[in-house]
Amino acid sequence: MKHPVHALIESRVSVNYYDPERTLSDAVVKELVRLATLAPSAYNLQNWKLVAVRSPQARLRLKDLAFGQQKVADAPLTFIICGTLQAHRRLADALRPSVDAGVLQQPLVDTWVRSATESHEGNAQLQRDEAMRSASLAAMTLMLAAEAMGLATCPMGGFDGAGVAREFGLDELDVPVMLVTVGYAAGENWASKPRKPLEQVLQFA
């Protein structure tokens, strides 16, 4: 019997056409973000931010910055998925709830904070790499969560990152990594596209 998670992965497609008449509630948006932030991140940095673009006016502003892609206007919600730079400087605060809950012990947290500081401080490339990784993991988790809730999504890399940061007031440490449209699919979308055979992408070592 196929596991439900496997079925979700196999059924997910990137949707270009949405029903513009169907909206999403605050509760749905919050649940999507809650689930997205259960994604893993190095040291549990949680170096991400999600901006929920929902109002018609904001969606049109974002559409202009996404090179006119109509799905940004039609979908009731588009997330700006950001990765956060210099997250190691706030790692102790991020891990405090884990200590309070008894999941982690303070000596281990101190070791993680020291290690993250030593590797990340002054290393802009590593900070950006971690930000991109974490934001991407959160985005994929969000897309699967949306699929489980009967929603359609599409990850998008085609947008003006500097313009998005400026127009939506992002902090200078928040890097827009991708957009993810969310809503209810209209009927004109593609089926799942075939993938490369395993022998082209799998290597055993």
N, C-alpha and C. Protein backbone atom coordinates (compact mmCIF):
# COMPACT_ATOMS: atom_id res chain seq x y z
N MET A 1 0.84 -1.19 0.00
CA MET A 1 0.00 0.00 0.00
C MET A 1 0.88 1.25 0.00
N LYS A 2 0.58 2.16 -0.88
CA LYS A 2 1.39 3.37 -1.01
C LYS A 2 1.18 4.28 0.19
N HIS A 3 2.29 4.82 0.72
CA HIS A 3 2.20 5.76 1.84
C HIS A 3 1.59 7.07 1.35
N PRO A 4 0.76 7.72 2.18
CA PRO A 4 0.14 8.99 1.76
C PRO A 4 1.15 10.06 1.34
N VAL A 5 2.32 10.10 1.99
CA VAL A 5 3.33 11.09 1.60
C VAL A 5 3.81 10.83 0.19
N HIS A 6 4.00 9.55 -0.15
CA HIS A 6 4.43 9.22 -1.50
C HIS A 6 3.39 9.66 -2.52
N ALA A 7 2.13 9.47 -2.18
CA ALA A 7 1.05 9.88 -3.09
C ALA A 7 1.04 11.40 -3.28
N LEU A 8 1.31 12.14 -2.20
CA LEU A 8 1.36 13.60 -2.31
C LEU A 8 2.49 14.04 -3.24
N ILE A 9 3.66 13.42 -3.08
CA ILE A 9 4.81 13.77 -3.91
C ILE A 9 4.50 13.48 -5.38
N GLU A 10 3.85 12.35 -5.64
CA GLU A 10 3.57 11.97 -7.02
C GLU A 10 2.44 12.79 -7.64
N SER A 11 1.55 13.32 -6.81
CA SER A 11 0.42 14.07 -7.36
C SER A 11 0.73 15.56 -7.55
N ARG A 12 1.77 16.06 -6.88
CA ARG A 12 2.07 17.49 -6.96
C ARG A 12 2.53 17.88 -8.36
N VAL A 13 1.99 18.97 -8.86
CA VAL A 13 2.45 19.57 -10.12
C VAL A 13 2.61 21.07 -9.90
N SER A 14 3.40 21.70 -10.73
CA SER A 14 3.54 23.16 -10.68
C SER A 14 2.44 23.78 -11.53
N VAL A 15 1.58 24.54 -10.88
CA VAL A 15 0.35 25.03 -11.50
C VAL A 15 0.54 26.44 -12.06
N ASN A 16 0.07 26.66 -13.26
CA ASN A 16 0.14 27.97 -13.89
C ASN A 16 -1.19 28.70 -13.88
N TYR A 17 -2.31 27.98 -13.74
CA TYR A 17 -3.63 28.58 -13.83
C TYR A 17 -4.42 28.32 -12.56
N TYR A 18 -4.89 29.40 -11.95
CA TYR A 18 -5.63 29.33 -10.69
C TYR A 18 -7.02 29.90 -10.86
N ASP A 19 -7.91 29.45 -9.98
CA ASP A 19 -9.25 30.01 -9.91
C ASP A 19 -9.18 31.30 -9.09
N PRO A 20 -9.34 32.47 -9.71
CA PRO A 20 -9.18 33.73 -8.99
C PRO A 20 -10.34 34.06 -8.06
N GLU A 21 -11.41 33.28 -8.12
CA GLU A 21 -12.59 33.55 -7.29
C GLU A 21 -12.51 32.89 -5.92
N ARG A 22 -11.60 31.95 -5.75
CA ARG A 22 -11.53 31.21 -4.48
C ARG A 22 -10.39 31.77 -3.63
N THR A 23 -10.70 32.11 -2.40
CA THR A 23 -9.74 32.74 -1.50
C THR A 23 -9.27 31.75 -0.43
N LEU A 24 -8.28 32.17 0.35
CA LEU A 24 -7.74 31.37 1.44
C LEU A 24 -7.89 32.15 2.74
N SER A 25 -8.28 31.47 3.79
CA SER A 25 -8.49 32.12 5.08
C SER A 25 -7.17 32.37 5.80
N ASP A 26 -7.21 33.23 6.80
CA ASP A 26 -6.04 33.46 7.64
C ASP A 26 -5.58 32.16 8.28
N ALA A 27 -6.52 31.33 8.70
CA ALA A 27 -6.17 30.07 9.37
C ALA A 27 -5.38 29.16 8.44
N VAL A 28 -5.77 29.11 7.17
CA VAL A 28 -5.05 28.27 6.20
C VAL A 28 -3.63 28.81 5.99
N VAL A 29 -3.52 30.11 5.84
CA VAL A 29 -2.20 30.73 5.64
C VAL A 29 -1.29 30.42 6.82
N LYS A 30 -1.80 30.59 8.01
CA LYS A 30 -0.99 30.35 9.21
C LYS A 30 -0.60 28.89 9.35
N GLU A 31 -1.51 27.98 9.00
CA GLU A 31 -1.18 26.56 9.09
C GLU A 31 -0.12 26.18 8.06
N LEU A 32 -0.19 26.73 6.87
CA LEU A 32 0.84 26.47 5.87
C LEU A 32 2.21 26.92 6.37
N VAL A 33 2.26 28.10 6.98
CA VAL A 33 3.54 28.61 7.49
C VAL A 33 4.02 27.77 8.67
N ARG A 34 3.10 27.39 9.55
CA ARG A 34 3.50 26.55 10.68
C ARG A 34 4.15 25.26 10.21
N LEU A 35 3.54 24.64 9.23
CA LEU A 35 4.08 23.39 8.71
C LEU A 35 5.39 23.61 7.97
N ALA A 36 5.46 24.70 7.21
CA ALA A 36 6.69 25.01 6.47
C ALA A 36 7.88 25.16 7.41
N THR A 37 7.63 25.77 8.57
CA THR A 37 8.73 26.03 9.49
C THR A 37 9.12 24.82 10.33
N LEU A 38 8.52 23.67 10.05
CA LEU A 38 8.99 22.41 10.61
C LEU A 38 10.09 21.80 9.76
N ALA A 39 10.43 22.47 8.67
CA ALA A 39 11.54 22.00 7.81
C ALA A 39 12.85 22.06 8.59
N PRO A 40 13.83 21.26 8.18
CA PRO A 40 15.12 21.29 8.86
C PRO A 40 15.97 22.48 8.42
N SER A 41 16.89 22.86 9.31
CA SER A 41 17.89 23.88 8.98
C SER A 41 19.13 23.59 9.81
N ALA A 42 20.28 23.96 9.29
CA ALA A 42 21.55 23.70 9.98
C ALA A 42 21.51 24.34 11.37
N TYR A 43 21.92 23.58 12.38
CA TYR A 43 21.91 24.05 13.77
C TYR A 43 20.51 24.46 14.26
N ASN A 44 19.48 24.15 13.48
CA ASN A 44 18.14 24.67 13.74
C ASN A 44 18.14 26.20 13.72
N LEU A 45 18.89 26.75 12.77
CA LEU A 45 18.96 28.21 12.62
C LEU A 45 17.60 28.84 12.36
N GLN A 46 16.75 28.08 11.64
CA GLN A 46 15.43 28.61 11.25
C GLN A 46 15.59 29.96 10.53
N ASN A 47 16.54 29.99 9.61
CA ASN A 47 16.92 31.22 8.92
C ASN A 47 16.05 31.45 7.69
N TRP A 48 14.78 31.74 7.98
CA TRP A 48 13.80 31.97 6.91
C TRP A 48 12.79 33.01 7.34
N LYS A 49 12.13 33.59 6.37
CA LYS A 49 10.99 34.48 6.58
C LYS A 49 10.04 34.25 5.40
N LEU A 50 8.73 34.23 5.69
CA LEU A 50 7.72 34.06 4.65
C LEU A 50 6.79 35.26 4.65
N VAL A 51 6.70 35.93 3.52
CA VAL A 51 5.80 37.07 3.37
C VAL A 51 4.59 36.60 2.56
N ALA A 52 3.40 36.69 3.17
CA ALA A 52 2.17 36.26 2.51
C ALA A 52 1.55 37.43 1.76
N VAL A 53 1.61 37.38 0.45
CA VAL A 53 1.09 38.46 -0.40
C VAL A 53 -0.32 38.07 -0.82
N ARG A 54 -1.33 38.79 -0.28
CA ARG A 54 -2.72 38.36 -0.47
C ARG A 54 -3.63 39.42 -1.06
N SER A 55 -3.46 40.68 -0.69
CA SER A 55 -4.40 41.68 -1.17
C SER A 55 -4.28 41.84 -2.69
N PRO A 56 -5.39 42.16 -3.37
CA PRO A 56 -5.31 42.33 -4.83
C PRO A 56 -4.27 43.35 -5.25
N GLN A 57 -4.15 44.43 -4.48
CA GLN A 57 -3.18 45.47 -4.84
C GLN A 57 -1.74 44.95 -4.71
N ALA A 58 -1.49 44.24 -3.62
CA ALA A 58 -0.13 43.70 -3.41
C ALA A 58 0.20 42.65 -4.45
N ARG A 59 -0.79 41.84 -4.83
CA ARG A 59 -0.54 40.81 -5.84
C ARG A 59 -0.20 41.44 -7.19
N LEU A 60 -0.84 42.56 -7.53
CA LEU A 60 -0.52 43.24 -8.78
C LEU A 60 0.88 43.84 -8.73
N ARG A 61 1.26 44.39 -7.57
CA ARG A 61 2.62 44.91 -7.42
C ARG A 61 3.64 43.79 -7.59
N LEU A 62 3.34 42.63 -7.01
CA LEU A 62 4.26 41.51 -7.12
C LEU A 62 4.28 40.95 -8.55
N LYS A 63 3.12 40.95 -9.20
CA LYS A 63 3.07 40.50 -10.61
C LYS A 63 4.02 41.31 -11.47
N ASP A 64 4.04 42.62 -11.29
CA ASP A 64 4.94 43.47 -12.07
C ASP A 64 6.40 43.10 -11.84
N LEU A 65 6.72 42.70 -10.60
CA LEU A 65 8.10 42.33 -10.26
C LEU A 65 8.41 40.89 -10.65
N ALA A 66 7.37 40.14 -11.02
CA ALA A 66 7.56 38.75 -11.49
C ALA A 66 7.42 38.69 -13.01
N PHE A 67 7.80 39.79 -13.66
CA PHE A 67 7.83 39.87 -15.12
C PHE A 67 6.47 39.59 -15.75
N GLY A 68 5.40 40.05 -15.03
CA GLY A 68 4.06 39.98 -15.60
C GLY A 68 3.41 38.62 -15.58
N GLN A 69 3.90 37.69 -14.80
CA GLN A 69 3.31 36.35 -14.78
C GLN A 69 1.92 36.40 -14.13
N GLN A 70 0.92 36.06 -14.92
CA GLN A 70 -0.48 36.25 -14.51
C GLN A 70 -0.85 35.43 -13.29
N LYS A 71 -0.22 34.29 -13.08
CA LYS A 71 -0.61 33.44 -11.95
C LYS A 71 -0.40 34.15 -10.61
N VAL A 72 0.51 35.12 -10.56
CA VAL A 72 0.72 35.86 -9.31
C VAL A 72 -0.51 36.71 -8.99
N ALA A 73 -1.19 37.21 -10.01
CA ALA A 73 -2.41 37.98 -9.79
C ALA A 73 -3.61 37.08 -9.55
N ASP A 74 -3.66 35.93 -10.22
CA ASP A 74 -4.83 35.05 -10.13
C ASP A 74 -4.84 34.22 -8.85
N ALA A 75 -3.69 33.74 -8.42
CA ALA A 75 -3.63 32.94 -7.19
C ALA A 75 -4.00 33.83 -6.00
N PRO A 76 -4.78 33.32 -5.07
CA PRO A 76 -5.18 34.15 -3.93
C PRO A 76 -4.03 34.45 -2.96
N LEU A 77 -2.92 33.75 -3.13
CA LEU A 77 -1.81 33.91 -2.21
C LEU A 77 -0.51 33.58 -2.92
N THR A 78 0.48 34.44 -2.74
CA THR A 78 1.84 34.11 -3.14
C THR A 78 2.77 34.39 -1.96
N PHE A 79 3.56 33.40 -1.60
CA PHE A 79 4.55 33.59 -0.56
C PHE A 79 5.86 34.07 -1.18
N ILE A 80 6.45 35.09 -0.58
CA ILE A 80 7.84 35.43 -0.85
C ILE A 80 8.65 34.65 0.18
N ILE A 81 9.39 33.67 -0.28
CA ILE A 81 10.18 32.81 0.62
C ILE A 81 11.58 33.40 0.71
N CYS A 82 11.96 33.81 1.91
CA CYS A 82 13.25 34.46 2.13
C CYS A 82 14.16 33.60 2.99
N GLY A 83 15.44 33.68 2.72
CA GLY A 83 16.46 33.13 3.61
C GLY A 83 17.14 34.28 4.32
N THR A 84 17.52 34.04 5.57
CA THR A 84 18.06 35.11 6.42
C THR A 84 19.56 34.97 6.60
N LEU A 85 20.27 36.06 6.35
CA LEU A 85 21.71 36.11 6.55
C LEU A 85 22.02 36.41 8.02
N GLN A 86 23.25 36.09 8.43
CA GLN A 86 23.73 36.35 9.79
C GLN A 86 22.85 35.71 10.85
N ALA A 87 22.19 34.61 10.50
CA ALA A 87 21.29 33.95 11.45
C ALA A 87 22.04 33.37 12.64
N HIS A 88 23.33 33.09 12.47
CA HIS A 88 24.10 32.52 13.58
C HIS A 88 24.16 33.47 14.77
N ARG A 89 24.02 34.76 14.52
CA ARG A 89 24.09 35.74 15.61
C ARG A 89 22.86 35.67 16.52
N ARG A 90 21.80 35.04 16.03
CA ARG A 90 20.59 34.89 16.83
C ARG A 90 20.29 33.43 17.15
N LEU A 91 21.30 32.59 16.97
CA LEU A 91 21.07 31.15 17.17
C LEU A 91 20.73 30.83 18.62
N ALA A 92 21.39 31.46 19.58
CA ALA A 92 21.11 31.17 20.99
C ALA A 92 19.64 31.43 21.30
N ASP A 93 19.09 32.52 20.78
CA ASP A 93 17.67 32.82 21.00
C ASP A 93 16.78 31.80 20.31
N ALA A 94 17.18 31.37 19.10
CA ALA A 94 16.38 30.40 18.36
C ALA A 94 16.33 29.05 19.06
N LEU A 95 17.40 28.70 19.78
CA LEU A 95 17.48 27.40 20.43
C LEU A 95 16.95 27.41 21.87
N ARG A 96 16.71 28.57 22.43
CA ARG A 96 16.26 28.64 23.82
C ARG A 96 14.97 27.85 24.05
N PRO A 97 13.97 27.91 23.17
CA PRO A 97 12.77 27.09 23.40
C PRO A 97 13.07 25.59 23.47
N SER A 98 14.08 25.14 22.73
CA SER A 98 14.44 23.72 22.78
C SER A 98 15.04 23.35 24.12
N VAL A 99 15.79 24.28 24.72
CA VAL A 99 16.33 24.06 26.06
C VAL A 99 15.21 24.07 27.08
N ASP A 100 14.31 25.04 26.97
CA ASP A 100 13.20 25.15 27.91
C ASP A 100 12.30 23.92 27.86
N ALA A 101 12.17 23.32 26.66
CA ALA A 101 11.33 22.14 26.50
C ALA A 101 12.05 20.85 26.88
N GLY A 102 13.34 20.95 27.20
CA GLY A 102 14.10 19.76 27.56
C GLY A 102 14.55 18.92 26.39
N VAL A 103 14.43 19.46 25.18
CA VAL A 103 14.86 18.73 23.98
C VAL A 103 16.38 18.78 23.86
N LEU A 104 16.98 19.93 24.13
CA LEU A 104 18.43 20.11 24.07
C LEU A 104 18.94 20.56 25.43
N GLN A 105 20.17 20.19 25.73
CA GLN A 105 20.81 20.64 26.95
C GLN A 105 21.68 21.86 26.65
N GLN A 106 21.79 22.76 27.62
CA GLN A 106 22.50 24.01 27.40
C GLN A 106 23.94 23.82 26.94
N PRO A 107 24.71 22.84 27.50
CA PRO A 107 26.09 22.67 27.00
C PRO A 107 26.16 22.37 25.51
N LEU A 108 25.21 21.57 25.02
CA LEU A 108 25.19 21.27 23.58
C LEU A 108 24.85 22.53 22.78
N VAL A 109 23.89 23.30 23.26
CA VAL A 109 23.54 24.54 22.59
C VAL A 109 24.74 25.47 22.53
N ASP A 110 25.48 25.58 23.63
CA ASP A 110 26.67 26.43 23.66
C ASP A 110 27.68 25.97 22.62
N THR A 111 27.82 24.66 22.46
CA THR A 111 28.74 24.12 21.45
C THR A 111 28.27 24.46 20.05
N TRP A 112 26.97 24.32 19.80
CA TRP A 112 26.43 24.66 18.48
C TRP A 112 26.62 26.14 18.17
N VAL A 113 26.34 26.99 19.14
CA VAL A 113 26.47 28.43 18.91
C VAL A 113 27.92 28.78 18.62
N ARG A 114 28.84 28.19 19.35
CA ARG A 114 30.26 28.45 19.12
C ARG A 114 30.68 27.96 17.73
N SER A 115 30.24 26.76 17.37
CA SER A 115 30.60 26.21 16.06
C SER A 115 30.02 27.03 14.93
N ALA A 116 28.74 27.42 15.05
CA ALA A 116 28.10 28.22 14.00
C ALA A 116 28.78 29.58 13.87
N THR A 117 29.14 30.17 14.99
CA THR A 117 29.81 31.46 14.96
C THR A 117 31.16 31.37 14.27
N GLU A 118 31.92 30.33 14.61
CA GLU A 118 33.24 30.16 14.02
C GLU A 118 33.17 29.94 12.52
N SER A 119 32.16 29.23 12.05
CA SER A 119 32.08 28.90 10.62
C SER A 119 31.37 29.99 9.80
N HIS A 120 30.42 30.70 10.41
CA HIS A 120 29.60 31.64 9.65
C HIS A 120 30.07 33.09 9.73
N GLU A 121 30.64 33.49 10.86
CA GLU A 121 31.01 34.90 11.02
C GLU A 121 32.06 35.28 9.99
N GLY A 122 31.79 36.31 9.22
CA GLY A 122 32.72 36.76 8.20
C GLY A 122 32.72 35.93 6.93
N ASN A 123 31.85 34.91 6.85
CA ASN A 123 31.79 34.04 5.68
C ASN A 123 30.46 34.29 4.96
N ALA A 124 30.44 35.31 4.11
CA ALA A 124 29.20 35.70 3.44
C ALA A 124 28.67 34.59 2.53
N GLN A 125 29.57 33.85 1.90
CA GLN A 125 29.13 32.79 0.99
C GLN A 125 28.41 31.68 1.76
N LEU A 126 28.96 31.27 2.90
CA LEU A 126 28.32 30.23 3.70
C LEU A 126 26.97 30.71 4.22
N GLN A 127 26.91 31.95 4.68
CA GLN A 127 25.64 32.49 5.16
C GLN A 127 24.58 32.44 4.06
N ARG A 128 24.98 32.84 2.85
CA ARG A 128 24.02 32.84 1.74
C ARG A 128 23.64 31.41 1.36
N ASP A 129 24.63 30.51 1.34
CA ASP A 129 24.32 29.11 1.01
C ASP A 129 23.32 28.53 2.01
N GLU A 130 23.54 28.78 3.29
CA GLU A 130 22.62 28.26 4.31
C GLU A 130 21.24 28.90 4.17
N ALA A 131 21.21 30.19 3.87
CA ALA A 131 19.93 30.87 3.69
C ALA A 131 19.16 30.26 2.52
N MET A 132 19.86 30.00 1.41
CA MET A 132 19.20 29.42 0.24
C MET A 132 18.72 28.00 0.54
N ARG A 133 19.55 27.21 1.23
CA ARG A 133 19.17 25.84 1.56
C ARG A 133 17.93 25.83 2.46
N SER A 134 17.98 26.61 3.52
CA SER A 134 16.88 26.60 4.48
C SER A 134 15.58 27.08 3.86
N ALA A 135 15.65 28.17 3.10
CA ALA A 135 14.44 28.69 2.46
C ALA A 135 13.86 27.68 1.47
N SER A 136 14.73 26.98 0.75
CA SER A 136 14.26 25.99 -0.22
C SER A 136 13.60 24.80 0.48
N LEU A 137 14.18 24.36 1.60
CA LEU A 137 13.57 23.26 2.36
C LEU A 137 12.20 23.68 2.90
N ALA A 138 12.11 24.91 3.40
CA ALA A 138 10.83 25.41 3.90
C ALA A 138 9.81 25.49 2.77
N ALA A 139 10.24 25.94 1.59
CA ALA A 139 9.33 26.06 0.46
C ALA A 139 8.79 24.70 0.03
N MET A 140 9.66 23.68 -0.03
CA MET A 140 9.20 22.35 -0.44
C MET A 140 8.25 21.77 0.59
N THR A 141 8.55 21.99 1.87
CA THR A 141 7.66 21.52 2.93
C THR A 141 6.30 22.19 2.81
N LEU A 142 6.30 23.50 2.53
CA LEU A 142 5.05 24.23 2.35
C LEU A 142 4.26 23.68 1.18
N MET A 143 4.93 23.39 0.08
CA MET A 143 4.22 22.89 -1.11
C MET A 143 3.57 21.54 -0.84
N LEU A 144 4.26 20.67 -0.12
CA LEU A 144 3.66 19.37 0.20
C LEU A 144 2.51 19.53 1.19
N ALA A 145 2.66 20.46 2.15
CA ALA A 145 1.57 20.73 3.07
C ALA A 145 0.35 21.24 2.32
N ALA A 146 0.57 22.14 1.36
CA ALA A 146 -0.53 22.66 0.56
C ALA A 146 -1.20 21.54 -0.24
N GLU A 147 -0.41 20.67 -0.81
CA GLU A 147 -0.96 19.54 -1.58
C GLU A 147 -1.86 18.69 -0.70
N ALA A 148 -1.43 18.47 0.55
CA ALA A 148 -2.23 17.67 1.49
C ALA A 148 -3.54 18.36 1.86
N MET A 149 -3.59 19.67 1.73
CA MET A 149 -4.79 20.45 2.06
C MET A 149 -5.66 20.68 0.83
N GLY A 150 -5.34 20.04 -0.29
CA GLY A 150 -6.13 20.18 -1.50
C GLY A 150 -5.84 21.44 -2.29
N LEU A 151 -4.68 22.04 -2.03
CA LEU A 151 -4.29 23.27 -2.70
C LEU A 151 -3.23 23.00 -3.75
N ALA A 152 -3.13 23.90 -4.70
CA ALA A 152 -2.12 23.81 -5.76
C ALA A 152 -1.06 24.88 -5.52
N THR A 153 0.15 24.63 -6.01
CA THR A 153 1.26 25.56 -5.82
C THR A 153 2.13 25.61 -7.07
N CYS A 154 2.98 26.64 -7.10
CA CYS A 154 4.01 26.72 -8.13
C CYS A 154 5.19 27.51 -7.58
N PRO A 155 6.38 26.90 -7.52
CA PRO A 155 7.57 27.66 -7.12
C PRO A 155 8.08 28.46 -8.31
N MET A 156 8.53 29.68 -8.05
CA MET A 156 8.93 30.58 -9.13
C MET A 156 10.27 31.24 -8.81
N GLY A 157 11.17 31.16 -9.77
CA GLY A 157 12.44 31.86 -9.65
C GLY A 157 12.52 33.09 -10.53
N GLY A 158 11.50 33.31 -11.35
CA GLY A 158 11.51 34.43 -12.29
C GLY A 158 10.91 35.68 -11.66
N PHE A 159 11.74 36.46 -10.98
CA PHE A 159 11.28 37.71 -10.39
C PHE A 159 12.49 38.60 -10.11
N ASP A 160 12.22 39.87 -9.92
CA ASP A 160 13.25 40.86 -9.62
C ASP A 160 13.48 40.87 -8.11
N GLY A 161 14.53 40.19 -7.66
CA GLY A 161 14.76 40.05 -6.23
C GLY A 161 14.97 41.37 -5.52
N ALA A 162 15.77 42.25 -6.11
CA ALA A 162 16.02 43.56 -5.50
C ALA A 162 14.74 44.37 -5.45
N GLY A 163 13.94 44.29 -6.50
CA GLY A 163 12.68 45.01 -6.53
C GLY A 163 11.70 44.48 -5.50
N VAL A 164 11.64 43.17 -5.35
CA VAL A 164 10.76 42.57 -4.34
C VAL A 164 11.17 43.01 -2.95
N ALA A 165 12.47 42.97 -2.68
CA ALA A 165 12.96 43.39 -1.36
C ALA A 165 12.59 44.83 -1.07
N ARG A 166 12.73 45.67 -2.07
CA ARG A 166 12.43 47.10 -1.91
C ARG A 166 10.93 47.34 -1.77
N GLU A 167 10.15 46.74 -2.65
CA GLU A 167 8.71 47.01 -2.70
C GLU A 167 7.97 46.47 -1.47
N PHE A 168 8.49 45.37 -0.91
CA PHE A 168 7.80 44.75 0.22
C PHE A 168 8.53 44.94 1.54
N GLY A 169 9.46 45.88 1.57
CA GLY A 169 10.08 46.30 2.81
C GLY A 169 10.87 45.22 3.53
N LEU A 170 11.56 44.38 2.79
CA LEU A 170 12.34 43.33 3.42
C LEU A 170 13.57 43.92 4.10
N ASP A 171 13.98 43.27 5.18
CA ASP A 171 15.21 43.64 5.86
C ASP A 171 16.39 43.34 4.93
N GLU A 172 17.48 44.07 5.10
CA GLU A 172 18.65 43.86 4.24
C GLU A 172 19.26 42.48 4.44
N LEU A 173 18.92 41.81 5.53
CA LEU A 173 19.44 40.46 5.78
C LEU A 173 18.53 39.37 5.21
N ASP A 174 17.36 39.74 4.71
CA ASP A 174 16.41 38.77 4.17
C ASP A 174 16.55 38.71 2.65
N VAL A 175 16.95 37.55 2.14
CA VAL A 175 17.20 37.34 0.72
C VAL A 175 15.99 36.65 0.09
N PRO A 176 15.29 37.28 -0.86
CA PRO A 176 14.19 36.59 -1.54
C PRO A 176 14.73 35.44 -2.38
N VAL A 177 14.35 34.23 -2.03
CA VAL A 177 14.87 33.04 -2.69
C VAL A 177 13.94 32.56 -3.79
N MET A 178 12.65 32.53 -3.51
CA MET A 178 11.67 32.13 -4.53
C MET A 178 10.31 32.65 -4.14
N LEU A 179 9.42 32.66 -5.11
CA LEU A 179 8.00 32.89 -4.88
C LEU A 179 7.29 31.55 -4.98
N VAL A 180 6.23 31.39 -4.17
CA VAL A 180 5.40 30.19 -4.27
C VAL A 180 3.95 30.64 -4.31
N THR A 181 3.32 30.45 -5.45
CA THR A 181 1.89 30.74 -5.56
C THR A 181 1.10 29.60 -4.92
N VAL A 182 -0.03 29.94 -4.31
CA VAL A 182 -0.88 28.95 -3.64
C VAL A 182 -2.34 29.28 -3.92
N GLY A 183 -3.12 28.26 -4.24
CA GLY A 183 -4.54 28.48 -4.47
C GLY A 183 -5.20 27.22 -4.98
N TYR A 184 -6.31 27.40 -5.68
CA TYR A 184 -7.06 26.28 -6.26
C TYR A 184 -6.85 26.27 -7.76
N ALA A 185 -6.44 25.13 -8.27
CA ALA A 185 -6.11 25.03 -9.69
C ALA A 185 -7.35 25.19 -10.56
N ALA A 186 -7.18 25.89 -11.66
CA ALA A 186 -8.19 25.89 -12.72
C ALA A 186 -7.92 24.68 -13.61
N GLY A 187 -8.73 24.51 -14.66
CA GLY A 187 -8.68 23.25 -15.39
C GLY A 187 -7.66 23.13 -16.49
N GLU A 188 -6.88 24.18 -16.75
CA GLU A 188 -6.05 24.18 -17.95
C GLU A 188 -4.59 23.77 -17.68
N ASN A 189 -4.29 23.22 -16.53
CA ASN A 189 -2.91 22.97 -16.17
C ASN A 189 -2.38 21.67 -16.76
N TRP A 190 -1.03 21.62 -16.87
CA TRP A 190 -0.38 20.40 -17.33
C TRP A 190 -0.55 19.27 -16.33
N ALA A 191 -0.46 18.05 -16.85
CA ALA A 191 -0.29 16.89 -15.98
C ALA A 191 1.15 16.85 -15.50
N SER A 192 1.45 15.93 -14.61
CA SER A 192 2.82 15.78 -14.13
C SER A 192 3.74 15.42 -15.28
N LYS A 193 4.85 16.12 -15.39
CA LYS A 193 5.79 15.89 -16.50
C LYS A 193 6.74 14.74 -16.15
N PRO A 194 7.03 13.85 -17.09
CA PRO A 194 7.93 12.73 -16.81
C PRO A 194 9.31 13.22 -16.38
N ARG A 195 9.95 12.47 -15.51
CA ARG A 195 11.28 12.78 -15.00
C ARG A 195 12.32 11.90 -15.66
N LYS A 196 13.58 12.30 -15.53
CA LYS A 196 14.67 11.51 -16.08
C LYS A 196 14.70 10.13 -15.43
N PRO A 197 15.13 9.11 -16.16
CA PRO A 197 15.24 7.77 -15.56
C PRO A 197 16.30 7.74 -14.47
N LEU A 198 16.14 6.85 -13.52
CA LEU A 198 17.04 6.79 -12.38
C LEU A 198 18.49 6.61 -12.78
N GLU A 199 18.74 5.84 -13.84
CA GLU A 199 20.13 5.59 -14.21
C GLU A 199 20.85 6.86 -14.64
N GLN A 200 20.11 7.91 -14.95
CA GLN A 200 20.74 9.19 -15.31
C GLN A 200 21.02 10.09 -14.11
N VAL A 201 20.38 9.81 -12.99
CA VAL A 201 20.51 10.72 -11.85
C VAL A 201 21.02 10.04 -10.58
N LEU A 202 21.09 8.71 -10.59
CA LEU A 202 21.50 7.98 -9.38
C LEU A 202 22.89 7.41 -9.56
N GLN A 203 23.73 7.64 -8.57
CA GLN A 203 25.07 7.04 -8.54
C GLN A 203 25.31 6.44 -7.17
N PHE A 204 25.73 5.21 -7.14
CA PHE A 204 26.09 4.56 -5.88
C PHE A 204 27.58 4.73 -5.63
N ALA A 205 27.96 4.90 -4.38
CA ALA A 205 29.38 5.05 -4.03
C ALA A 205 29.72 4.10 -2.88
